[in-house]
Amino acid sequence: MLTRIDLRHFKCFETLKLPLRPLTLLSGANASGKSSVMQALVLLHQTMREHEWSSRLMLNGSAVRLGAVADVVDQVHGRRDCGIALLDDDAPSYQWEFEGERDEMSMAVRRARGETGAGDGWDVDGSQPFHHLLPAPAGDQSLTSRLRRLTYLTAERLGPRELYAFDDPQLTPVVGPRGEYAVSVLHSGRDGRVLDSLAIDGVPPTRFRQVEARMARFFPGCVLAVEQVPGANAATLGIRISADTDFHRPVHTGFGLTQVLPVVVAGLSADEDDLLLIENPEVHLHPAGQAAMGEFLSEVAAAGVQVVIETHSDHILNGIRRAVKGGVLASGDVALHFFRPRIEDQAQQGGPQVESPILDADGNIDSWPDGFFDQFDRDMNYFAGWS
């Protein structure tokens, strides 16, 4: 499990040392750096996956497109370099320093340092050959293997479609950043078993039936049908939400169905020690569904999948709190981080750039920074004439 990510001169951070847990929730104002934390991990992921032997950090790929070096390096304190470091249970630390001209669209590895679980270490410059951003030949690659398998779901997920891409599972092992391969992953792995602790009792433990059962918890009566189109690399998705109707095309069902499906497929397709990054899992869900999503992702984390969520939903937070109070997930396995937009004048900042409230075993939070899921209280105070 990743236990911390450190960033230096990366986007809006001069320096950041952010603890991670089995379930990490990132919250805060828009443009405060939440997505930047995820993007740092995704940059490592897409470079390792798409450019195996590269000695450069690829800023643009199939998972994320961040532009040029000038778009990635902190414009206040940085110039042409940045750093990413990961602390891990198995490999105590991997650290990379990257550099590049401001108009370039990738960054060279200037230096890489690391320690393995066996206590061995290395410290090399960018002149060395690299494999998965590690000096070749590399030793223990447990962390890089997890980064390559990482699943990243953006907030801009694919909406209802007549047809969905269907491909070999070796090419599309995860649902894709927009959930574009969710139907393919569901169909090709329909008979695979989900993690035992995630299986709903009374339902066959296969991926398809468990996904269907989970979807029914969000949308009562939901039944799914996936069929490959003969002679084409495409599949159709049928959805039924009542026993009295036939299957409908996704465009004729609630928009939230196709937004939730990639999240559920990703959660139930993951193995222990996998990394799952999700932006705004609450998209197009009503409040009760958002709370249920928080509980579902807590179950996924409790099953051994490391989950990082970026959210603006207090219902997602409350779903996690309910899961902790219900004993689904230990309070110590949850990290809450509240981000503020950076203000150079610290006297005007109103607090640190990132603040981390603590969740206890009863689901209580020890502090509520100004702006941390408090808009409902602010509005009620206004209506009551208290502010």
Protein backbone atom coordinates (compact mmCIF):
# COMPACT_ATOMS: atom_id res chain seq x y z
CA MET A 1 0.00 0.00 0.00
CA LEU A 2 1.16 3.52 -0.76
CA THR A 3 1.58 5.36 2.54
CA ARG A 4 2.59 8.80 1.27
CA ILE A 5 3.10 10.84 -1.88
CA ASP A 6 5.53 13.76 -1.94
CA LEU A 7 5.46 16.45 -4.62
CA ARG A 8 7.99 19.20 -5.23
CA HIS A 9 7.37 22.06 -7.67
CA PHE A 10 4.50 20.06 -9.18
CA LYS A 11 1.68 22.27 -10.46
CA CYS A 12 0.33 24.32 -7.51
CA PHE A 13 2.60 22.79 -4.86
CA GLU A 14 5.96 24.12 -3.77
CA THR A 15 6.20 21.05 -1.53
CA LEU A 16 3.61 18.51 -0.42
CA LYS A 17 3.89 15.45 1.81
CA LEU A 18 0.49 13.78 1.74
CA PRO A 19 -0.27 10.65 3.84
CA LEU A 20 -2.29 7.94 2.08
CA ARG A 21 -4.41 5.18 3.56
CA PRO A 22 -6.45 2.27 2.15
CA LEU A 23 -9.17 4.89 1.52
CA THR A 24 -8.09 8.49 0.95
CA LEU A 25 -10.59 11.29 0.37
CA LEU A 26 -9.46 14.52 -1.28
CA SER A 27 -11.77 17.50 -0.86
CA GLY A 28 -11.63 21.27 -1.08
CA ALA A 29 -12.24 24.23 -3.33
CA ASN A 30 -11.93 24.05 -7.10
CA ALA A 31 -8.40 24.55 -8.44
CA SER A 32 -6.85 23.79 -5.05
CA GLY A 33 -4.67 20.85 -6.11
CA LYS A 34 -6.81 17.76 -5.52
CA SER A 35 -6.58 16.56 -9.12
CA SER A 36 -2.86 17.33 -9.19
CA VAL A 37 -2.22 14.62 -6.60
CA MET A 38 -4.00 12.07 -8.76
CA GLN A 39 -2.33 13.31 -11.94
CA ALA A 40 1.13 12.77 -10.47
CA LEU A 41 0.31 9.10 -9.95
CA VAL A 42 -1.31 8.84 -13.38
CA LEU A 43 1.76 10.33 -15.09
CA LEU A 44 3.90 7.58 -13.58
CA HIS A 45 1.26 5.01 -14.57
CA GLN A 46 0.96 6.02 -18.21
CA THR A 47 4.73 6.36 -18.68
CA MET A 48 5.38 2.90 -17.23
CA ARG A 49 2.52 1.33 -19.18
CA GLU A 50 2.88 3.01 -22.57
CA HIS A 51 6.64 3.75 -22.67
CA GLU A 52 8.22 0.83 -20.85
CA TRP A 53 11.84 1.67 -21.65
CA SER A 54 11.55 5.44 -21.58
CA SER A 55 13.81 7.62 -19.46
CA ARG A 56 11.33 10.49 -19.73
CA LEU A 57 8.08 11.26 -17.92
CA MET A 58 5.41 11.41 -20.62
CA LEU A 59 3.03 14.28 -19.93
CA ASN A 60 0.56 13.27 -22.62
CA GLY A 61 -0.89 9.82 -23.18
CA SER A 62 -4.09 7.82 -23.21
CA ALA A 63 -4.81 8.36 -19.51
CA VAL A 64 -4.08 12.07 -19.09
CA ARG A 65 -2.91 14.96 -21.26
CA LEU A 66 -1.26 17.75 -19.28
CA GLY A 67 0.41 19.75 -22.05
CA ALA A 68 3.97 21.04 -21.75
CA VAL A 69 6.53 21.31 -18.96
CA ALA A 70 5.39 24.88 -18.28
CA ASP A 71 1.91 23.52 -17.49
CA VAL A 72 3.22 20.98 -14.97
CA VAL A 73 6.03 22.76 -13.11
CA ASP A 74 4.97 25.10 -10.30
CA GLN A 75 5.01 28.51 -11.98
CA VAL A 76 5.73 30.42 -8.77
CA HIS A 77 8.66 28.51 -7.29
CA GLY A 78 9.72 26.14 -10.05
CA ARG A 79 11.52 26.71 -13.31
CA ARG A 80 12.08 23.55 -15.33
CA ASP A 81 12.13 20.72 -12.81
CA CYS A 82 9.81 18.88 -10.42
CA GLY A 83 9.91 15.84 -8.16
CA ILE A 84 7.63 12.95 -7.24
CA ALA A 85 8.30 10.53 -4.38
CA LEU A 86 6.27 7.55 -3.18
CA LEU A 87 6.51 5.75 0.14
CA ASP A 88 5.24 2.21 0.15
CA ASP A 89 4.81 -0.71 2.52
CA ASP A 90 6.88 -3.03 0.34
CA ALA A 91 9.42 -0.59 -1.12
CA PRO A 92 10.19 2.10 1.49
CA SER A 93 10.67 4.88 -1.08
CA TYR A 94 10.97 5.67 -4.76
CA GLN A 95 12.00 9.23 -5.68
CA TRP A 96 12.25 10.83 -9.10
CA GLU A 97 13.54 14.23 -10.17
CA PHE A 98 12.42 15.32 -13.63
CA GLU A 99 13.55 18.23 -15.79
CA GLY A 100 12.76 19.67 -19.19
CA GLU A 101 12.54 22.83 -21.27
CA ARG A 102 9.29 24.67 -20.67
CA ASP A 103 7.93 24.05 -24.17
CA GLU A 104 8.71 20.31 -24.16
CA MET A 105 5.93 17.76 -23.74
CA SER A 106 7.91 15.27 -21.65
CA MET A 107 10.50 15.52 -18.88
CA ALA A 108 13.81 13.70 -18.60
CA VAL A 109 14.69 11.72 -15.49
CA ARG A 110 17.47 13.80 -13.91
CA ARG A 111 17.88 11.55 -10.90
CA ALA A 112 16.17 8.52 -9.39
CA ARG A 113 16.60 7.11 -5.92
CA GLY A 114 15.00 4.15 -4.24
CA GLU A 115 15.02 1.48 -1.60
CA THR A 116 13.62 -2.02 -1.95
CA GLY A 117 11.86 -4.10 0.63
CA ALA A 118 15.07 -6.12 1.03
CA GLY A 119 16.90 -3.04 2.27
CA ASP A 120 18.87 -2.52 -0.93
CA GLY A 121 19.01 0.94 -2.45
CA TRP A 122 20.06 2.77 -5.57
CA ASP A 123 20.78 6.34 -6.61
CA VAL A 124 21.36 7.01 -10.31
CA ASP A 125 21.34 9.91 -12.75
CA GLY A 126 19.46 10.15 -16.02
CA SER A 127 22.32 8.76 -18.11
CA GLN A 128 21.44 5.22 -16.98
CA PRO A 129 19.05 2.97 -18.95
CA PHE A 130 15.59 2.82 -17.36
CA HIS A 131 12.86 0.21 -17.30
CA HIS A 132 9.51 1.37 -15.92
CA LEU A 133 11.33 4.50 -14.71
CA LEU A 134 13.66 2.36 -12.60
CA PRO A 135 17.34 1.76 -13.38
CA ALA A 136 17.71 -1.33 -15.55
CA PRO A 137 18.09 -4.05 -14.58
CA ALA A 138 15.75 -3.20 -11.69
CA GLY A 139 15.21 -5.37 -8.66
CA ASP A 140 11.93 -5.47 -6.77
CA GLN A 141 9.20 -3.93 -8.94
CA SER A 142 6.19 -4.53 -6.70
CA LEU A 143 5.31 -0.83 -6.64
CA THR A 144 5.75 -0.28 -10.36
CA SER A 145 3.60 -3.31 -11.16
CA ARG A 146 0.80 -1.75 -9.12
CA LEU A 147 1.27 1.60 -10.82
CA ARG A 148 1.03 -0.07 -14.23
CA ARG A 149 -2.24 -1.76 -13.19
CA LEU A 150 -3.65 1.46 -11.75
CA THR A 151 -7.25 2.35 -12.63
CA TYR A 152 -8.04 6.04 -13.11
CA LEU A 153 -11.59 7.29 -13.64
CA THR A 154 -12.03 10.96 -14.47
CA ALA A 155 -15.10 13.03 -13.66
CA GLU A 156 -15.85 13.26 -17.39
CA ARG A 157 -17.13 9.74 -17.92
CA LEU A 158 -18.65 8.31 -21.07
CA GLY A 159 -22.40 8.82 -21.31
CA PRO A 160 -25.07 6.56 -22.84
CA ARG A 161 -24.03 5.00 -26.16
CA GLU A 162 -25.59 2.75 -28.75
CA LEU A 163 -22.37 0.74 -28.94
CA TYR A 164 -19.41 0.32 -26.61
CA ALA A 165 -15.85 -0.59 -27.57
CA PHE A 166 -15.03 -4.27 -27.11
CA ASP A 167 -11.44 -5.47 -27.23
CA ASP A 168 -9.03 -8.12 -26.00
CA PRO A 169 -8.72 -7.95 -22.20
CA GLN A 170 -4.92 -7.84 -22.54
CA LEU A 171 -5.30 -4.47 -24.25
CA THR A 172 -8.08 -3.17 -22.01
CA PRO A 173 -7.48 -4.64 -18.54
CA VAL A 174 -9.15 -1.69 -16.77
CA VAL A 175 -12.24 0.41 -17.44
CA GLY A 176 -10.33 3.36 -18.91
CA PRO A 177 -10.13 7.00 -17.76
CA ARG A 178 -13.61 7.79 -19.09
CA GLY A 179 -15.07 4.37 -18.35
CA GLU A 180 -14.98 3.68 -22.07
CA TYR A 181 -13.96 0.05 -21.57
CA ALA A 182 -16.28 -0.73 -18.66
CA VAL A 183 -18.68 -2.77 -20.79
CA SER A 184 -15.76 -4.61 -22.43
CA VAL A 185 -14.21 -5.44 -19.04
CA LEU A 186 -17.58 -6.55 -17.73
CA HIS A 187 -18.25 -8.82 -20.70
CA SER A 188 -14.78 -10.34 -21.18
CA GLY A 189 -14.40 -11.02 -17.46
CA ARG A 190 -18.01 -11.85 -16.76
CA ASP A 191 -17.18 -15.27 -15.28
CA GLY A 192 -14.21 -14.12 -13.20
CA ARG A 193 -14.61 -14.17 -9.42
CA VAL A 194 -14.75 -10.98 -7.40
CA LEU A 195 -12.88 -10.70 -4.12
CA ASP A 196 -14.61 -12.87 -1.52
CA SER A 197 -15.24 -10.01 0.88
CA LEU A 198 -17.00 -8.02 -1.86
CA ALA A 199 -19.35 -10.78 -2.96
CA ILE A 200 -23.01 -10.22 -2.05
CA ASP A 201 -24.46 -13.28 -0.36
CA GLY A 202 -26.97 -15.26 -2.36
CA VAL A 203 -25.57 -14.04 -5.70
CA PRO A 204 -23.12 -16.03 -7.85
CA PRO A 205 -19.60 -14.67 -7.10
CA THR A 206 -18.90 -13.91 -10.77
CA ARG A 207 -18.10 -10.39 -11.93
CA PHE A 208 -21.19 -9.99 -14.11
CA ARG A 209 -23.70 -11.13 -11.50
CA GLN A 210 -22.03 -9.21 -8.69
CA VAL A 211 -21.92 -6.01 -10.77
CA GLU A 212 -25.58 -6.50 -11.60
CA ALA A 213 -26.44 -7.00 -7.92
CA ARG A 214 -24.46 -3.92 -6.89
CA MET A 215 -26.14 -1.82 -9.56
CA ALA A 216 -29.50 -2.95 -8.18
CA ARG A 217 -28.53 -1.43 -4.83
CA PHE A 218 -28.16 1.93 -6.52
CA PHE A 219 -31.05 1.44 -8.94
CA PRO A 220 -33.62 -1.04 -7.55
CA GLY A 221 -34.67 -3.67 -10.06
CA CYS A 222 -31.68 -3.06 -12.33
CA VAL A 223 -30.83 -5.99 -14.64
CA LEU A 224 -28.06 -5.88 -17.24
CA ALA A 225 -27.55 -7.54 -20.62
CA VAL A 226 -24.28 -7.27 -22.56
CA GLU A 227 -23.92 -8.77 -26.03
CA GLN A 228 -21.03 -8.65 -28.46
CA VAL A 229 -21.94 -7.39 -31.93
CA PRO A 230 -21.19 -10.18 -34.44
CA GLY A 231 -18.24 -9.36 -36.68
CA ALA A 232 -17.39 -6.12 -34.88
CA ASN A 233 -15.23 -4.94 -32.00
CA ALA A 234 -18.27 -3.59 -30.23
CA ALA A 235 -20.84 -4.59 -27.63
CA THR A 236 -24.32 -3.45 -26.72
CA LEU A 237 -25.57 -2.72 -23.21
CA GLY A 238 -29.16 -3.39 -22.27
CA ILE A 239 -30.65 -2.13 -19.02
CA ARG A 240 -33.92 -3.11 -17.39
CA ILE A 241 -35.15 -1.44 -14.22
CA SER A 242 -38.52 -3.19 -13.94
CA ALA A 243 -39.62 -6.78 -14.35
CA ASP A 244 -42.60 -5.45 -16.31
CA THR A 245 -40.48 -3.96 -19.12
CA ASP A 246 -38.04 -5.17 -21.72
CA PHE A 247 -34.37 -4.15 -21.85
CA HIS A 248 -33.75 -0.56 -22.89
CA ARG A 249 -30.86 1.12 -24.63
CA PRO A 250 -28.80 3.21 -22.18
CA VAL A 251 -30.06 6.46 -23.73
CA HIS A 252 -33.58 5.58 -22.50
CA THR A 253 -32.56 5.06 -18.88
CA GLY A 254 -31.41 7.46 -16.17
CA PHE A 255 -28.09 9.12 -16.99
CA GLY A 256 -26.70 8.09 -13.60
CA LEU A 257 -26.77 4.41 -14.57
CA THR A 258 -23.99 4.77 -17.13
CA GLN A 259 -22.00 7.01 -14.76
CA VAL A 260 -22.12 4.54 -11.87
CA LEU A 261 -21.46 1.41 -13.95
CA PRO A 262 -17.72 2.14 -14.59
CA VAL A 263 -17.17 2.76 -10.86
CA VAL A 264 -18.85 -0.50 -9.88
CA VAL A 265 -17.06 -2.49 -12.61
CA ALA A 266 -13.71 -0.98 -11.60
CA GLY A 267 -14.25 -1.73 -7.92
CA LEU A 268 -15.34 -5.32 -8.50
CA SER A 269 -12.65 -6.02 -11.13
CA ALA A 270 -9.77 -4.96 -8.89
CA ASP A 271 -7.46 -7.35 -7.07
CA GLU A 272 -5.88 -6.89 -3.66
CA ASP A 273 -3.14 -4.21 -3.64
CA ASP A 274 -4.50 -2.60 -6.82
CA LEU A 275 -4.80 1.20 -6.97
CA LEU A 276 -8.15 2.79 -7.82
CA LEU A 277 -8.35 6.56 -8.40
CA ILE A 278 -11.81 8.08 -8.91
CA GLU A 279 -12.76 11.68 -9.52
CA ASN A 280 -16.24 12.67 -8.37
CA PRO A 281 -17.82 9.24 -7.88
CA GLU A 282 -21.05 11.09 -7.01
CA VAL A 283 -21.65 12.35 -10.57
CA HIS A 284 -25.36 12.20 -11.51
CA LEU A 285 -26.37 10.37 -8.32
CA HIS A 286 -29.09 11.56 -5.95
CA PRO A 287 -28.05 12.06 -2.28
CA ALA A 288 -28.99 8.56 -1.09
CA GLY A 289 -27.09 7.07 -4.02
CA GLN A 290 -24.06 9.22 -3.21
CA ALA A 291 -24.04 7.96 0.38
CA ALA A 292 -24.34 4.40 -0.92
CA MET A 293 -21.38 5.05 -3.20
CA GLY A 294 -19.30 6.15 -0.19
CA GLU A 295 -20.19 2.90 1.55
CA PHE A 296 -19.42 0.82 -1.54
CA LEU A 297 -15.97 2.36 -1.97
CA SER A 298 -15.33 1.77 1.73
CA GLU A 299 -16.08 -1.92 1.16
CA VAL A 300 -13.68 -1.98 -1.79
CA ALA A 301 -10.94 -0.45 0.36
CA ALA A 302 -11.65 -2.89 3.19
CA ALA A 303 -11.18 -5.73 0.69
CA GLY A 304 -7.55 -4.70 0.12
CA VAL A 305 -7.85 -2.34 -2.86
CA GLN A 306 -6.28 1.08 -2.25
CA VAL A 307 -8.84 3.75 -3.17
CA VAL A 308 -8.25 7.48 -3.66
CA ILE A 309 -11.34 9.64 -4.16
CA GLU A 310 -11.67 13.26 -5.17
CA THR A 311 -15.12 14.54 -4.22
CA HIS A 312 -17.26 17.60 -3.51
CA SER A 313 -20.04 15.53 -1.96
CA ASP A 314 -20.75 15.56 1.76
CA HIS A 315 -22.94 12.50 1.09
CA ILE A 316 -19.89 10.52 -0.12
CA LEU A 317 -18.11 11.57 3.08
CA ASN A 318 -21.10 10.55 5.20
CA GLY A 319 -21.29 7.20 3.44
CA ILE A 320 -17.68 6.59 4.46
CA ARG A 321 -18.44 7.70 8.01
CA ARG A 322 -21.37 5.27 8.13
CA ALA A 323 -19.12 2.46 6.89
CA VAL A 324 -16.58 3.21 9.63
CA LYS A 325 -19.24 3.38 12.34
CA GLY A 326 -20.70 0.12 11.01
CA GLY A 327 -17.36 -1.65 11.28
CA VAL A 328 -16.88 -2.09 7.53
CA LEU A 329 -13.60 -0.15 7.54
CA ALA A 330 -11.32 0.84 10.43
CA SER A 331 -11.12 4.57 11.10
CA GLY A 332 -7.32 4.38 10.88
CA ASP A 333 -7.68 3.13 7.30
CA VAL A 334 -9.26 6.43 6.19
CA ALA A 335 -7.39 9.64 5.40
CA LEU A 336 -9.33 12.89 4.91
CA HIS A 337 -7.54 15.81 3.24
CA PHE A 338 -8.96 19.29 2.72
CA PHE A 339 -7.20 21.47 0.12
CA ARG A 340 -7.19 25.26 -0.04
CA PRO A 341 -6.17 27.33 -3.06
CA ARG A 342 -2.61 28.51 -2.55
CA ILE A 343 -2.17 32.13 -1.49
CA GLU A 344 1.44 33.32 -1.41
CA ASP A 345 0.73 35.63 1.52
CA GLN A 346 0.41 33.06 4.31
CA ALA A 347 -1.17 35.70 6.57
CA GLN A 348 -4.16 35.66 4.23
CA GLN A 349 -4.20 31.89 3.70
CA GLY A 350 -6.43 31.13 6.70
CA GLY A 351 -4.66 27.83 7.35
CA PRO A 352 -2.23 25.39 5.73
CA GLN A 353 -2.63 24.52 2.05
CA VAL A 354 -3.73 21.01 3.06
CA GLU A 355 -5.44 20.16 6.35
CA SER A 356 -6.24 16.60 7.45
CA PRO A 357 -9.17 16.11 9.85
CA ILE A 358 -9.20 12.84 11.83
CA LEU A 359 -12.06 10.35 11.70
CA ASP A 360 -12.77 8.24 14.81
CA ALA A 361 -14.35 4.79 15.14
CA ASP A 362 -17.83 6.29 15.65
CA GLY A 363 -17.62 8.24 12.41
CA ASN A 364 -16.99 11.56 14.16
CA ILE A 365 -14.56 14.09 12.67
CA ASP A 366 -12.31 15.98 15.08
CA SER A 367 -12.25 19.31 13.22
CA TRP A 368 -14.15 21.01 10.43
CA PRO A 369 -11.94 23.56 8.66
CA ASP A 370 -13.70 26.53 7.14
CA GLY A 371 -15.04 25.32 3.79
CA PHE A 372 -14.85 21.60 4.63
CA PHE A 373 -18.31 20.31 3.67
CA ASP A 374 -19.97 23.10 5.65
CA GLN A 375 -22.14 24.77 3.03
CA PHE A 376 -25.36 23.17 4.33
CA ASP A 377 -24.70 24.59 7.81
CA ARG A 378 -23.87 27.99 6.32
CA ASP A 379 -27.14 28.02 4.38
CA MET A 380 -29.22 26.92 7.37
CA ASN A 381 -27.61 29.60 9.52
CA TYR A 382 -28.49 32.15 6.86
CA PHE A 383 -32.14 31.05 6.72
CA ALA A 384 -32.31 31.09 10.51
CA GLY A 385 -30.99 34.65 10.53
CA TRP A 386 -27.81 33.67 12.40
CA SER A 387 -25.43 34.96 9.80
